[in-house]
Amino acid sequence: MTTVVPPAPGPVRKRRSRSATSLTRSSGLGLGVALTWFSLLVLIPLALVVIQSVDGGWQTFRDTLTNPQTASALRLTVTQSLIVTAVNIVFGTLIAWVLVRDEFPGKRLLEVVIDIPFALPTIVAGLVLLSLYGPKSPLGVNVVNTERSVFLALLFVTLPFVVRTVEPVLLELDKDVEEAAASLGASRFTTLRRIILPSLAPAITAGAALSFARGISEFGSLVLLSGNLPNKTEVASVRILTYIENGNEAAAASVAVILLVVALAAIVLLQVLATVVARRG
């Protein structure tokens, strides 16, 4: 009977567990350069604006925000931006769907036209809208110096954001999953609710956040169209300019900080909603 002798155990080699946060020298250098560049362009200027907003004390900050004209400008800006964002979510998603799923004459031209608000200077956008919806409108529609002019201008400059964020996701969306759901008896509405919308939720959220942020910060397209009437059509960006022209930089920074807080809150809220929709899907 042959006895099998097991080989002598060699030295045990311990695997070096690499921490998820470990960086190589080149990665660390790249991260440092990126953070420095980001700080110089974004973090430090934002911090200085916040500091400047309380330069005159909290009393100046409170007086600025409780000023009726400033409060009206902030309310108009946020309200119209929210409405425009809601419209863009619906129609931007529909436009992206048509551009991806359908073929029709003039599709390439429409792809180019949608990007025009990206490339067009905002003051030129205001001039274009003024020529079509101003006192000499060929359509007989005059919205100058009304709240509708603010809505129209914001809608024009923010339209591409949702379209361009949703379109790439639709291109990557696997149609086989939809066909499989249909073969299992799922209705079109169920497929839309349980498969398509959860997949599109992050992209729609990103587009909505960009749309809202652009809306509350818009200036150029509103100068010619809204008339900047105090307590009526004056938006927050124009109010900031008025404070700067009057030499009240602390008040201007206070309004800017409020817009920053509102934008950050909207982005966080939209991300939470996207996560909930994706999980339920």
C-alpha atoms as a PDB file:
ATOM      1  CA  MET A   1       0.000   0.000   0.000  1.00  0.00           C
ATOM      2  CA  THR A   2       1.422   3.297  -1.078  1.00  0.00           C
ATOM      3  CA  THR A   3       1.174   6.207   1.265  1.00  0.00           C
ATOM      4  CA  VAL A   4       0.781   9.586  -0.320  1.00  0.00           C
ATOM      5  CA  VAL A   5       2.729  12.173   1.547  1.00  0.00           C
ATOM      6  CA  PRO A   6       1.332  15.663   1.103  1.00  0.00           C
ATOM      7  CA  PRO A   7       3.836  18.290   0.093  1.00  0.00           C
ATOM      8  CA  ALA A   8       5.315  20.402   2.772  1.00  0.00           C
ATOM      9  CA  PRO A   9       3.439  23.631   3.095  1.00  0.00           C
ATOM     10  CA  GLY A  10       5.366  26.560   1.794  1.00  0.00           C
ATOM     11  CA  PRO A  11       5.374  30.038   3.195  1.00  0.00           C
ATOM     12  CA  VAL A  12       1.910  31.557   3.245  1.00  0.00           C
ATOM     13  CA  ARG A  13       1.682  34.628   1.033  1.00  0.00           C
ATOM     14  CA  LYS A  14      -0.601  37.253   2.345  1.00  0.00           C
ATOM     15  CA  ARG A  15      -2.584  39.166  -0.204  1.00  0.00           C
ATOM     16  CA  ARG A  16      -2.181  42.826   0.109  1.00  0.00           C
ATOM     17  CA  SER A  17      -5.643  44.223   0.461  1.00  0.00           C
ATOM     18  CA  ARG A  18      -5.725  47.417  -1.446  1.00  0.00           C
ATOM     19  CA  SER A  19      -7.907  50.013   0.159  1.00  0.00           C
ATOM     20  CA  ALA A  20     -10.676  51.419  -1.958  1.00  0.00           C
ATOM     21  CA  THR A  21      -9.387  54.895  -1.191  1.00  0.00           C
ATOM     22  CA  SER A  22      -5.723  54.218  -1.990  1.00  0.00           C
ATOM     23  CA  LEU A  23      -4.226  56.315  -4.763  1.00  0.00           C
ATOM     24  CA  THR A  24      -1.142  55.926  -6.834  1.00  0.00           C
ATOM     25  CA  ARG A  25       1.302  58.789  -7.005  1.00  0.00           C
ATOM     26  CA  SER A  26       0.086  59.847 -10.444  1.00  0.00           C
ATOM     27  CA  SER A  27      -3.584  59.576  -9.398  1.00  0.00           C
ATOM     28  CA  GLY A  28      -2.922  61.630  -6.291  1.00  0.00           C
ATOM     29  CA  LEU A  29      -1.178  64.276  -8.357  1.00  0.00           C
ATOM     30  CA  GLY A  30      -4.083  64.382 -10.798  1.00  0.00           C
ATOM     31  CA  LEU A  31      -6.587  64.646  -7.960  1.00  0.00           C
ATOM     32  CA  GLY A  32      -4.625  67.463  -6.380  1.00  0.00           C
ATOM     33  CA  VAL A  33      -4.459  69.420  -9.640  1.00  0.00           C
ATOM     34  CA  ALA A  34      -8.179  68.866 -10.244  1.00  0.00           C
ATOM     35  CA  LEU A  35      -9.149  70.008  -6.753  1.00  0.00           C
ATOM     36  CA  THR A  36      -6.889  73.054  -6.990  1.00  0.00           C
ATOM     37  CA  TRP A  37      -8.352  74.022 -10.353  1.00  0.00           C
ATOM     38  CA  PHE A  38     -11.908  73.452  -9.097  1.00  0.00           C
ATOM     39  CA  SER A  39     -11.228  75.483  -5.959  1.00  0.00           C
ATOM     40  CA  LEU A  40      -9.840  78.439  -7.901  1.00  0.00           C
ATOM     41  CA  LEU A  41     -12.763  78.453 -10.327  1.00  0.00           C
ATOM     42  CA  VAL A  42     -15.681  77.516  -8.053  1.00  0.00           C
ATOM     43  CA  LEU A  43     -15.119  76.932  -4.342  1.00  0.00           C
ATOM     44  CA  ILE A  44     -13.079  80.022  -3.462  1.00  0.00           C
ATOM     45  CA  PRO A  45     -15.296  82.476  -5.447  1.00  0.00           C
ATOM     46  CA  LEU A  46     -18.406  80.949  -3.866  1.00  0.00           C
ATOM     47  CA  ALA A  47     -16.900  81.251  -0.411  1.00  0.00           C
ATOM     48  CA  LEU A  48     -16.023  84.898  -1.044  1.00  0.00           C
ATOM     49  CA  VAL A  49     -19.582  85.636  -2.186  1.00  0.00           C
ATOM     50  CA  VAL A  50     -20.955  84.087   1.005  1.00  0.00           C
ATOM     51  CA  ILE A  51     -18.506  86.113   3.110  1.00  0.00           C
ATOM     52  CA  GLN A  52     -19.385  89.279   1.221  1.00  0.00           C
ATOM     53  CA  SER A  53     -23.103  88.694   1.778  1.00  0.00           C
ATOM     54  CA  VAL A  54     -22.611  89.073   5.544  1.00  0.00           C
ATOM     55  CA  ASP A  55     -19.971  91.779   5.235  1.00  0.00           C
ATOM     56  CA  GLY A  56     -22.396  94.382   6.486  1.00  0.00           C
ATOM     57  CA  GLY A  57     -23.699  92.119   9.223  1.00  0.00           C
ATOM     58  CA  TRP A  58     -26.715  89.848   9.388  1.00  0.00           C
ATOM     59  CA  GLN A  59     -28.927  92.915   9.574  1.00  0.00           C
ATOM     60  CA  THR A  60     -27.935  93.892   6.028  1.00  0.00           C
ATOM     61  CA  PHE A  61     -28.569  90.341   4.865  1.00  0.00           C
ATOM     62  CA  ARG A  62     -32.020  90.276   6.473  1.00  0.00           C
ATOM     63  CA  ASP A  63     -32.953  93.754   5.239  1.00  0.00           C
ATOM     64  CA  THR A  64     -32.022  92.780   1.702  1.00  0.00           C
ATOM     65  CA  LEU A  65     -34.166  89.659   1.694  1.00  0.00           C
ATOM     66  CA  THR A  66     -37.141  91.355   3.333  1.00  0.00           C
ATOM     67  CA  ASN A  67     -37.062  94.218   0.861  1.00  0.00           C
ATOM     68  CA  PRO A  68     -40.394  93.989  -1.040  1.00  0.00           C
ATOM     69  CA  GLN A  69     -38.791  94.558  -4.442  1.00  0.00           C
ATOM     70  CA  THR A  70     -36.093  91.944  -3.843  1.00  0.00           C
ATOM     71  CA  ALA A  71     -38.591  89.440  -2.437  1.00  0.00           C
ATOM     72  CA  SER A  72     -40.815  89.945  -5.485  1.00  0.00           C
ATOM     73  CA  ALA A  73     -37.876  89.402  -7.849  1.00  0.00           C
ATOM     74  CA  LEU A  74     -36.845  86.202  -6.061  1.00  0.00           C
ATOM     75  CA  ARG A  75     -40.408  84.888  -5.992  1.00  0.00           C
ATOM     76  CA  LEU A  76     -40.914  85.571  -9.695  1.00  0.00           C
ATOM     77  CA  THR A  77     -37.575  83.985 -10.610  1.00  0.00           C
ATOM     78  CA  VAL A  78     -38.061  80.787  -8.619  1.00  0.00           C
ATOM     79  CA  THR A  79     -41.735  80.364  -9.580  1.00  0.00           C
ATOM     80  CA  GLN A  80     -41.195  80.812 -13.305  1.00  0.00           C
ATOM     81  CA  SER A  81     -38.099  78.589 -13.253  1.00  0.00           C
ATOM     82  CA  LEU A  82     -40.064  75.802 -11.541  1.00  0.00           C
ATOM     83  CA  ILE A  83     -42.879  76.045 -14.090  1.00  0.00           C
ATOM     84  CA  VAL A  84     -40.439  76.068 -16.992  1.00  0.00           C
ATOM     85  CA  THR A  85     -38.577  73.075 -15.556  1.00  0.00           C
ATOM     86  CA  ALA A  86     -41.832  71.102 -15.244  1.00  0.00           C
ATOM     87  CA  VAL A  87     -42.702  71.906 -18.864  1.00  0.00           C
ATOM     88  CA  ASN A  88     -39.207  70.931 -20.014  1.00  0.00           C
ATOM     89  CA  ILE A  89     -39.404  67.584 -18.209  1.00  0.00           C
ATOM     90  CA  VAL A  90     -42.526  66.643 -20.168  1.00  0.00           C
ATOM     91  CA  PHE A  91     -41.852  68.110 -23.578  1.00  0.00           C
ATOM     92  CA  GLY A  92     -38.072  67.639 -23.467  1.00  0.00           C
ATOM     93  CA  THR A  93     -38.535  63.925 -22.801  1.00  0.00           C
ATOM     94  CA  LEU A  94     -41.125  63.667 -25.583  1.00  0.00           C
ATOM     95  CA  ILE A  95     -38.841  65.430 -28.055  1.00  0.00           C
ATOM     96  CA  ALA A  96     -35.942  63.162 -27.122  1.00  0.00           C
ATOM     97  CA  TRP A  97     -38.176  60.120 -27.575  1.00  0.00           C
ATOM     98  CA  VAL A  98     -39.277  61.243 -31.038  1.00  0.00           C
ATOM     99  CA  LEU A  99     -35.711  62.000 -32.118  1.00  0.00           C
ATOM    100  CA  VAL A 100     -34.464  58.577 -30.991  1.00  0.00           C
ATOM    101  CA  ARG A 101     -37.353  56.242 -31.791  1.00  0.00           C
ATOM    102  CA  ASP A 102     -38.842  57.783 -34.947  1.00  0.00           C
ATOM    103  CA  GLU A 103     -37.607  58.559 -38.431  1.00  0.00           C
ATOM    104  CA  PHE A 104     -39.090  61.468 -40.352  1.00  0.00           C
ATOM    105  CA  PRO A 105     -38.057  64.083 -42.932  1.00  0.00           C
ATOM    106  CA  GLY A 106     -36.149  66.987 -41.396  1.00  0.00           C
ATOM    107  CA  LYS A 107     -34.963  65.035 -38.375  1.00  0.00           C
ATOM    108  CA  ARG A 108     -31.331  66.117 -38.832  1.00  0.00           C
ATOM    109  CA  LEU A 109     -32.399  69.739 -39.161  1.00  0.00           C
ATOM    110  CA  LEU A 110     -34.424  69.500 -35.952  1.00  0.00           C
ATOM    111  CA  GLU A 111     -31.364  68.078 -34.162  1.00  0.00           C
ATOM    112  CA  VAL A 112     -29.433  71.208 -35.136  1.00  0.00           C
ATOM    113  CA  VAL A 113     -32.242  73.638 -34.297  1.00  0.00           C
ATOM    114  CA  ILE A 114     -32.597  72.249 -30.767  1.00  0.00           C
ATOM    115  CA  ASP A 115     -28.989  73.216 -30.020  1.00  0.00           C
ATOM    116  CA  ILE A 116     -29.432  76.833 -31.121  1.00  0.00           C
ATOM    117  CA  PRO A 117     -30.218  78.129 -27.582  1.00  0.00           C
ATOM    118  CA  PHE A 118     -26.876  76.643 -26.480  1.00  0.00           C
ATOM    119  CA  ALA A 119     -24.876  78.599 -29.060  1.00  0.00           C
ATOM    120  CA  LEU A 120     -26.977  81.754 -29.305  1.00  0.00           C
ATOM    121  CA  PRO A 121     -25.962  84.688 -27.076  1.00  0.00           C
ATOM    122  CA  THR A 122     -28.781  85.306 -24.629  1.00  0.00           C
ATOM    123  CA  ILE A 123     -29.176  88.954 -25.639  1.00  0.00           C
ATOM    124  CA  VAL A 124     -29.678  87.774 -29.217  1.00  0.00           C
ATOM    125  CA  ALA A 125     -32.253  85.291 -27.955  1.00  0.00           C
ATOM    126  CA  GLY A 126     -34.098  88.188 -26.346  1.00  0.00           C
ATOM    127  CA  LEU A 127     -34.007  90.093 -29.633  1.00  0.00           C
ATOM    128  CA  VAL A 128     -35.351  87.070 -31.518  1.00  0.00           C
ATOM    129  CA  LEU A 129     -38.201  86.629 -29.062  1.00  0.00           C
ATOM    130  CA  LEU A 130     -38.927  90.366 -29.116  1.00  0.00           C
ATOM    131  CA  SER A 131     -39.283  90.347 -32.893  1.00  0.00           C
ATOM    132  CA  LEU A 132     -41.769  87.464 -32.737  1.00  0.00           C
ATOM    133  CA  TYR A 133     -43.660  88.214 -29.531  1.00  0.00           C
ATOM    134  CA  GLY A 134     -43.184  91.969 -29.216  1.00  0.00           C
ATOM    135  CA  PRO A 135     -45.286  94.998 -30.206  1.00  0.00           C
ATOM    136  CA  LYS A 136     -44.637  94.330 -33.921  1.00  0.00           C
ATOM    137  CA  SER A 137     -45.273  90.608 -33.696  1.00  0.00           C
ATOM    138  CA  PRO A 138     -46.338  89.025 -37.008  1.00  0.00           C
ATOM    139  CA  LEU A 139     -48.443  86.633 -34.918  1.00  0.00           C
ATOM    140  CA  GLY A 140     -50.287  89.416 -33.164  1.00  0.00           C
ATOM    141  CA  VAL A 141     -49.003  88.227 -29.773  1.00  0.00           C
ATOM    142  CA  ASN A 142     -47.392  90.821 -27.511  1.00  0.00           C
ATOM    143  CA  VAL A 143     -46.023  89.549 -24.187  1.00  0.00           C
ATOM    144  CA  VAL A 144     -43.538  92.358 -23.530  1.00  0.00           C
ATOM    145  CA  ASN A 145     -43.450  93.660 -19.949  1.00  0.00           C
ATOM    146  CA  THR A 146     -45.544  90.763 -18.618  1.00  0.00           C
ATOM    147  CA  GLU A 147     -44.800  87.657 -16.569  1.00  0.00           C
ATOM    148  CA  ARG A 148     -45.441  85.621 -19.716  1.00  0.00           C
ATOM    149  CA  SER A 149     -42.347  87.190 -21.241  1.00  0.00           C
ATOM    150  CA  VAL A 150     -40.245  85.801 -18.371  1.00  0.00           C
ATOM    151  CA  PHE A 151     -41.757  82.351 -18.872  1.00  0.00           C
ATOM    152  CA  LEU A 152     -41.194  82.480 -22.634  1.00  0.00           C
ATOM    153  CA  ALA A 153     -37.580  83.630 -22.357  1.00  0.00           C
ATOM    154  CA  LEU A 154     -36.697  80.979 -19.787  1.00  0.00           C
ATOM    155  CA  LEU A 155     -38.424  78.295 -21.842  1.00  0.00           C
ATOM    156  CA  PHE A 156     -36.399  79.251 -24.902  1.00  0.00           C
ATOM    157  CA  VAL A 157     -32.976  79.129 -23.246  1.00  0.00           C
ATOM    158  CA  THR A 158     -33.587  75.961 -21.177  1.00  0.00           C
ATOM    159  CA  LEU A 159     -35.293  73.686 -23.713  1.00  0.00           C
ATOM    160  CA  PRO A 160     -32.166  71.761 -24.876  1.00  0.00           C
ATOM    161  CA  PHE A 161     -31.064  70.635 -21.410  1.00  0.00           C
ATOM    162  CA  VAL A 162     -33.591  67.851 -20.864  1.00  0.00           C
ATOM    163  CA  VAL A 163     -33.517  66.799 -24.516  1.00  0.00           C
ATOM    164  CA  ARG A 164     -29.761  66.401 -24.627  1.00  0.00           C
ATOM    165  CA  THR A 165     -29.513  64.553 -21.312  1.00  0.00           C
ATOM    166  CA  VAL A 166     -32.333  62.100 -22.050  1.00  0.00           C
ATOM    167  CA  GLU A 167     -31.419  61.378 -25.673  1.00  0.00           C
ATOM    168  CA  PRO A 168     -28.164  59.430 -25.038  1.00  0.00           C
ATOM    169  CA  VAL A 169     -29.875  57.232 -22.431  1.00  0.00           C
ATOM    170  CA  LEU A 170     -32.674  56.431 -24.857  1.00  0.00           C
ATOM    171  CA  LEU A 171     -30.101  55.461 -27.462  1.00  0.00           C
ATOM    172  CA  GLU A 172     -28.548  52.966 -25.037  1.00  0.00           C
ATOM    173  CA  LEU A 173     -31.875  51.617 -23.789  1.00  0.00           C
ATOM    174  CA  ASP A 174     -32.301  47.994 -24.856  1.00  0.00           C
ATOM    175  CA  LYS A 175     -35.516  47.486 -26.813  1.00  0.00           C
ATOM    176  CA  ASP A 176     -35.373  43.753 -26.130  1.00  0.00           C
ATOM    177  CA  VAL A 177     -36.394  44.404 -22.535  1.00  0.00           C
ATOM    178  CA  GLU A 178     -39.486  46.268 -23.688  1.00  0.00           C
ATOM    179  CA  GLU A 179     -40.339  43.513 -26.148  1.00  0.00           C
ATOM    180  CA  ALA A 180     -39.886  40.886 -23.439  1.00  0.00           C
ATOM    181  CA  ALA A 181     -42.214  42.808 -21.132  1.00  0.00           C
ATOM    182  CA  ALA A 182     -44.804  43.047 -23.902  1.00  0.00           C
ATOM    183  CA  SER A 183     -44.541  39.311 -24.611  1.00  0.00           C
ATOM    184  CA  LEU A 184     -45.242  38.633 -20.925  1.00  0.00           C
ATOM    185  CA  GLY A 185     -48.461  40.594 -21.140  1.00  0.00           C
ATOM    186  CA  ALA A 186     -47.333  43.998 -19.841  1.00  0.00           C
ATOM    187  CA  SER A 187     -49.259  46.920 -21.242  1.00  0.00           C
ATOM    188  CA  ARG A 188     -47.502  49.909 -22.772  1.00  0.00           C
ATOM    189  CA  PHE A 189     -48.268  51.976 -19.704  1.00  0.00           C
ATOM    190  CA  THR A 190     -46.807  49.303 -17.405  1.00  0.00           C
ATOM    191  CA  THR A 191     -43.690  49.055 -19.569  1.00  0.00           C
ATOM    192  CA  LEU A 192     -43.344  52.824 -19.475  1.00  0.00           C
ATOM    193  CA  ARG A 193     -43.830  52.978 -15.705  1.00  0.00           C
ATOM    194  CA  ARG A 194     -41.762  49.962 -14.664  1.00  0.00           C
ATOM    195  CA  ILE A 195     -38.983  49.842 -17.276  1.00  0.00           C
ATOM    196  CA  ILE A 196     -38.550  53.028 -19.296  1.00  0.00           C
ATOM    197  CA  LEU A 197     -39.108  55.778 -16.716  1.00  0.00           C
ATOM    198  CA  PRO A 198     -36.844  54.249 -14.032  1.00  0.00           C
ATOM    199  CA  SER A 199     -34.087  53.992 -16.636  1.00  0.00           C
ATOM    200  CA  LEU A 200     -34.606  57.588 -17.735  1.00  0.00           C
ATOM    201  CA  ALA A 201     -35.060  59.043 -14.237  1.00  0.00           C
ATOM    202  CA  PRO A 202     -31.376  59.954 -13.633  1.00  0.00           C
ATOM    203  CA  ALA A 203     -31.090  61.622 -17.045  1.00  0.00           C
ATOM    204  CA  ILE A 204     -34.370  63.506 -16.635  1.00  0.00           C
ATOM    205  CA  THR A 205     -33.242  64.619 -13.184  1.00  0.00           C
ATOM    206  CA  ALA A 206     -29.918  65.898 -14.510  1.00  0.00           C
ATOM    207  CA  GLY A 207     -31.628  67.798 -17.309  1.00  0.00           C
ATOM    208  CA  ALA A 208     -34.207  69.267 -14.933  1.00  0.00           C
ATOM    209  CA  ALA A 209     -31.497  70.408 -12.520  1.00  0.00           C
ATOM    210  CA  LEU A 210     -29.576  72.108 -15.318  1.00  0.00           C
ATOM    211  CA  SER A 211     -32.768  73.671 -16.631  1.00  0.00           C
ATOM    212  CA  PHE A 212     -33.743  75.073 -13.237  1.00  0.00           C
ATOM    213  CA  ALA A 213     -30.245  76.350 -12.484  1.00  0.00           C
ATOM    214  CA  ARG A 214     -30.087  78.107 -15.854  1.00  0.00           C
ATOM    215  CA  GLY A 215     -33.562  79.555 -15.318  1.00  0.00           C
ATOM    216  CA  ILE A 216     -32.865  81.229 -11.971  1.00  0.00           C
ATOM    217  CA  SER A 217     -29.614  82.702 -13.314  1.00  0.00           C
ATOM    218  CA  GLU A 218     -30.856  83.932 -16.699  1.00  0.00           C
ATOM    219  CA  PHE A 219     -30.267  87.581 -17.533  1.00  0.00           C
ATOM    220  CA  GLY A 220     -29.594  88.450 -21.175  1.00  0.00           C
ATOM    221  CA  SER A 221     -32.775  87.159 -22.806  1.00  0.00           C
ATOM    222  CA  LEU A 222     -34.930  88.970 -20.225  1.00  0.00           C
ATOM    223  CA  VAL A 223     -33.448  92.440 -20.587  1.00  0.00           C
ATOM    224  CA  LEU A 224     -35.245  93.277 -23.826  1.00  0.00           C
ATOM    225  CA  LEU A 225     -38.388  91.219 -23.334  1.00  0.00           C
ATOM    226  CA  SER A 226     -39.511  91.597 -19.715  1.00  0.00           C
ATOM    227  CA  GLY A 227     -38.900  95.319 -19.314  1.00  0.00           C
ATOM    228  CA  ASN A 228     -37.458  94.746 -15.795  1.00  0.00           C
ATOM    229  CA  LEU A 229     -40.438  96.391 -14.108  1.00  0.00           C
ATOM    230  CA  PRO A 230     -40.034  96.431 -10.291  1.00  0.00           C
ATOM    231  CA  ASN A 231     -42.477  94.174  -8.437  1.00  0.00           C
ATOM    232  CA  LYS A 232     -43.801  92.924 -11.755  1.00  0.00           C
ATOM    233  CA  THR A 233     -41.262  91.520 -14.227  1.00  0.00           C
ATOM    234  CA  GLU A 234     -37.922  92.178 -12.522  1.00  0.00           C
ATOM    235  CA  VAL A 235     -35.975  88.939 -11.934  1.00  0.00           C
ATOM    236  CA  ALA A 236     -33.280  88.200  -9.363  1.00  0.00           C
ATOM    237  CA  SER A 237     -30.342  88.560 -11.763  1.00  0.00           C
ATOM    238  CA  VAL A 238     -31.482  92.058 -12.731  1.00  0.00           C
ATOM    239  CA  ARG A 239     -31.941  92.894  -9.074  1.00  0.00           C
ATOM    240  CA  ILE A 240     -28.352  91.858  -8.403  1.00  0.00           C
ATOM    241  CA  LEU A 241     -27.144  94.150 -11.179  1.00  0.00           C
ATOM    242  CA  THR A 242     -29.168  97.028  -9.720  1.00  0.00           C
ATOM    243  CA  TYR A 243     -27.544  96.564  -6.323  1.00  0.00           C
ATOM    244  CA  ILE A 244     -24.071  96.489  -7.890  1.00  0.00           C
ATOM    245  CA  GLU A 245     -24.746  99.654  -9.903  1.00  0.00           C
ATOM    246  CA  ASN A 246     -25.830 101.373  -6.693  1.00  0.00           C
ATOM    247  CA  GLY A 247     -22.636 100.292  -4.931  1.00  0.00           C
ATOM    248  CA  ASN A 248     -24.374  97.898  -2.542  1.00  0.00           C
ATOM    249  CA  GLU A 249     -22.275  94.800  -3.139  1.00  0.00           C
ATOM    250  CA  ALA A 250     -23.276  93.167   0.161  1.00  0.00           C
ATOM    251  CA  ALA A 251     -26.933  93.211  -0.870  1.00  0.00           C
ATOM    252  CA  ALA A 252     -26.062  91.843  -4.315  1.00  0.00           C
ATOM    253  CA  ALA A 253     -24.085  89.015  -2.705  1.00  0.00           C
ATOM    254  CA  SER A 254     -27.010  88.278  -0.383  1.00  0.00           C
ATOM    255  CA  VAL A 255     -29.355  87.730  -3.334  1.00  0.00           C
ATOM    256  CA  ALA A 256     -26.696  85.602  -5.036  1.00  0.00           C
ATOM    257  CA  VAL A 257     -26.371  83.403  -1.943  1.00  0.00           C
ATOM    258  CA  ILE A 258     -30.137  82.855  -1.847  1.00  0.00           C
ATOM    259  CA  LEU A 259     -30.106  81.788  -5.497  1.00  0.00           C
ATOM    260  CA  LEU A 260     -27.212  79.426  -4.751  1.00  0.00           C
ATOM    261  CA  VAL A 261     -29.082  77.833  -1.840  1.00  0.00           C
ATOM    262  CA  VAL A 262     -32.242  77.454  -3.910  1.00  0.00           C
ATOM    263  CA  ALA A 263     -30.306  75.831  -6.768  1.00  0.00           C
ATOM    264  CA  LEU A 264     -28.543  73.374  -4.443  1.00  0.00           C
ATOM    265  CA  ALA A 265     -31.824  72.472  -2.724  1.00  0.00           C
ATOM    266  CA  ALA A 266     -33.502  71.839  -6.075  1.00  0.00           C
ATOM    267  CA  ILE A 267     -30.634  69.634  -7.274  1.00  0.00           C
ATOM    268  CA  VAL A 268     -30.706  67.531  -4.082  1.00  0.00           C
ATOM    269  CA  LEU A 269     -34.496  67.189  -4.216  1.00  0.00           C
ATOM    270  CA  LEU A 270     -34.444  66.103  -7.843  1.00  0.00           C
ATOM    271  CA  GLN A 271     -31.742  63.520  -7.140  1.00  0.00           C
ATOM    272  CA  VAL A 272     -33.802  62.079  -4.281  1.00  0.00           C
ATOM    273  CA  LEU A 273     -36.873  61.870  -6.515  1.00  0.00           C
ATOM    274  CA  ALA A 274     -34.854  60.136  -9.235  1.00  0.00           C
ATOM    275  CA  THR A 275     -33.580  57.583  -6.736  1.00  0.00           C
ATOM    276  CA  VAL A 276     -37.099  56.872  -5.475  1.00  0.00           C
ATOM    277  CA  VAL A 277     -38.441  56.445  -9.001  1.00  0.00           C
ATOM    278  CA  ALA A 278     -35.577  54.138  -9.981  1.00  0.00           C
ATOM    279  CA  ARG A 279     -36.025  51.953  -6.883  1.00  0.00           C
ATOM    280  CA  ARG A 280     -39.772  51.650  -7.323  1.00  0.00           C
ATOM    281  CA  GLY A 281     -39.215  50.722 -10.954  1.00  0.00           C
END
